[in-house]
Amino acid sequence: MLWFNEPQTDWCQLNAVECVEERPEYLIEKYADEPITAKRIAICESQMGKYRKNWQGSSAEGLFMFMPKTWNAYCDGDIKDDISQIKCFNKLYKLRPEWWECS
């Protein structure tokens, strides 16, 4: 039984459980301007975040496989952060959809 003054444990923060709010699919639904397109490209680019570094030898990384030079020129936040990746994808996909071979 929980008492009102008993502190609650944040199991997500402790990584004791998988939290839906942190999964790329959920974050794309919440933050992407075009969730269907963003999900398709994230699956193609990083297998929806399973691979965070490009396995073919380039320096691209993250959910949408941004190159560090591109990230530094156009994006804000941490290249490894999914929400920052989604926000940058929103901006750049509108301008340069051809940058993603999976379009």
Protein backbone atom coordinates (compact mmCIF):
# COMPACT_ATOMS: atom_id res chain seq x y z
CA MET A 1 0.00 0.00 0.00
CA LEU A 2 1.33 3.47 -0.88
CA TRP A 3 1.07 6.34 1.54
CA PHE A 4 0.59 9.87 0.28
CA ASN A 5 3.99 11.10 1.43
CA GLU A 6 5.88 8.07 0.12
CA PRO A 7 8.12 9.00 -2.85
CA GLN A 8 7.26 7.36 -6.16
CA THR A 9 9.97 5.49 -8.05
CA ASP A 10 10.48 6.50 -11.67
CA TRP A 11 11.21 3.09 -13.16
CA CYS A 12 11.73 4.58 -16.62
CA GLN A 13 14.47 6.87 -15.36
CA LEU A 14 16.16 3.95 -13.65
CA ASN A 15 15.99 1.96 -16.91
CA ALA A 16 14.27 -0.79 -14.97
CA VAL A 17 11.49 -1.04 -17.54
CA GLU A 18 11.08 -0.14 -21.21
CA CYS A 19 9.09 3.07 -21.42
CA VAL A 20 6.82 3.66 -24.39
CA GLU A 21 7.42 7.42 -24.19
CA GLU A 22 11.09 6.88 -25.05
CA ARG A 23 10.60 4.59 -28.05
CA PRO A 24 11.35 6.16 -31.44
CA GLU A 25 7.94 5.17 -32.83
CA TYR A 26 6.18 7.07 -30.07
CA LEU A 27 8.45 10.10 -30.39
CA ILE A 28 7.91 10.23 -34.16
CA GLU A 29 4.13 10.14 -33.66
CA LYS A 30 4.43 12.97 -31.15
CA TYR A 31 6.96 15.25 -32.88
CA ALA A 32 7.09 14.50 -36.61
CA ASP A 33 5.23 16.71 -39.07
CA GLU A 34 4.69 13.71 -41.37
CA PRO A 35 4.77 10.64 -39.07
CA ILE A 36 4.18 8.03 -41.78
CA THR A 37 7.04 9.33 -43.93
CA ALA A 38 9.30 9.82 -40.90
CA LYS A 39 8.68 6.26 -39.66
CA ARG A 40 9.36 4.78 -43.11
CA ILE A 41 12.64 6.66 -43.40
CA ALA A 42 13.71 5.92 -39.80
CA ILE A 43 13.13 2.22 -40.45
CA CYS A 44 15.20 2.38 -43.64
CA GLU A 45 18.00 4.53 -42.18
CA SER A 46 18.53 3.05 -38.70
CA GLN A 47 15.98 0.25 -38.39
CA MET A 48 13.97 2.62 -36.16
CA GLY A 49 16.95 3.42 -33.96
CA LYS A 50 18.34 -0.11 -33.62
CA TYR A 51 21.56 1.04 -35.27
CA ARG A 52 22.68 4.50 -34.10
CA LYS A 53 25.89 4.60 -36.14
CA ASN A 54 26.11 3.97 -39.87
CA TRP A 55 27.25 0.39 -40.42
CA GLN A 56 28.50 1.08 -43.94
CA GLY A 57 31.47 3.17 -42.88
CA SER A 58 30.24 6.77 -42.99
CA SER A 59 30.12 9.04 -39.95
CA ALA A 60 26.31 9.36 -40.11
CA GLU A 61 24.47 8.67 -36.88
CA GLY A 62 21.14 8.80 -35.12
CA LEU A 63 17.59 7.89 -35.99
CA PHE A 64 17.77 9.57 -39.43
CA MET A 65 21.53 9.09 -40.01
CA PHE A 66 22.64 12.70 -40.12
CA MET A 67 26.25 13.40 -41.05
CA PRO A 68 27.97 15.48 -38.33
CA LYS A 69 28.77 18.27 -40.83
CA THR A 70 25.12 18.48 -41.89
CA TRP A 71 23.98 18.36 -38.28
CA ASN A 72 26.28 21.20 -37.26
CA ALA A 73 25.17 23.34 -40.21
CA TYR A 74 21.39 22.87 -39.93
CA CYS A 75 20.36 21.27 -36.65
CA ASP A 76 20.10 22.08 -32.96
CA GLY A 77 20.60 19.87 -29.95
CA ASP A 78 22.50 16.61 -29.59
CA ILE A 79 22.89 14.48 -32.71
CA LYS A 80 22.27 11.39 -30.55
CA ASP A 81 18.95 12.70 -29.18
CA ASP A 82 15.87 11.27 -30.94
CA ILE A 83 13.71 14.35 -30.43
CA SER A 84 16.43 16.62 -31.83
CA GLN A 85 16.79 14.23 -34.79
CA ILE A 86 13.04 14.33 -35.46
CA LYS A 87 12.89 18.12 -35.28
CA CYS A 88 15.81 18.46 -37.68
CA PHE A 89 14.28 15.86 -40.00
CA ASN A 90 11.05 17.91 -40.03
CA LYS A 91 12.97 20.97 -41.17
CA LEU A 92 15.31 19.36 -43.69
CA TYR A 93 12.95 16.84 -45.28
CA LYS A 94 10.77 19.71 -46.47
CA LEU A 95 13.80 21.36 -48.07
CA ARG A 96 15.81 18.34 -49.26
CA PRO A 97 13.84 15.09 -49.43
CA GLU A 98 16.43 13.75 -51.88
CA TRP A 99 18.98 13.58 -49.04
CA TRP A 100 17.26 10.42 -47.86
CA GLU A 101 17.52 7.51 -50.29
CA CYS A 102 14.57 5.92 -48.54
CA SER A 103 12.14 8.71 -49.50
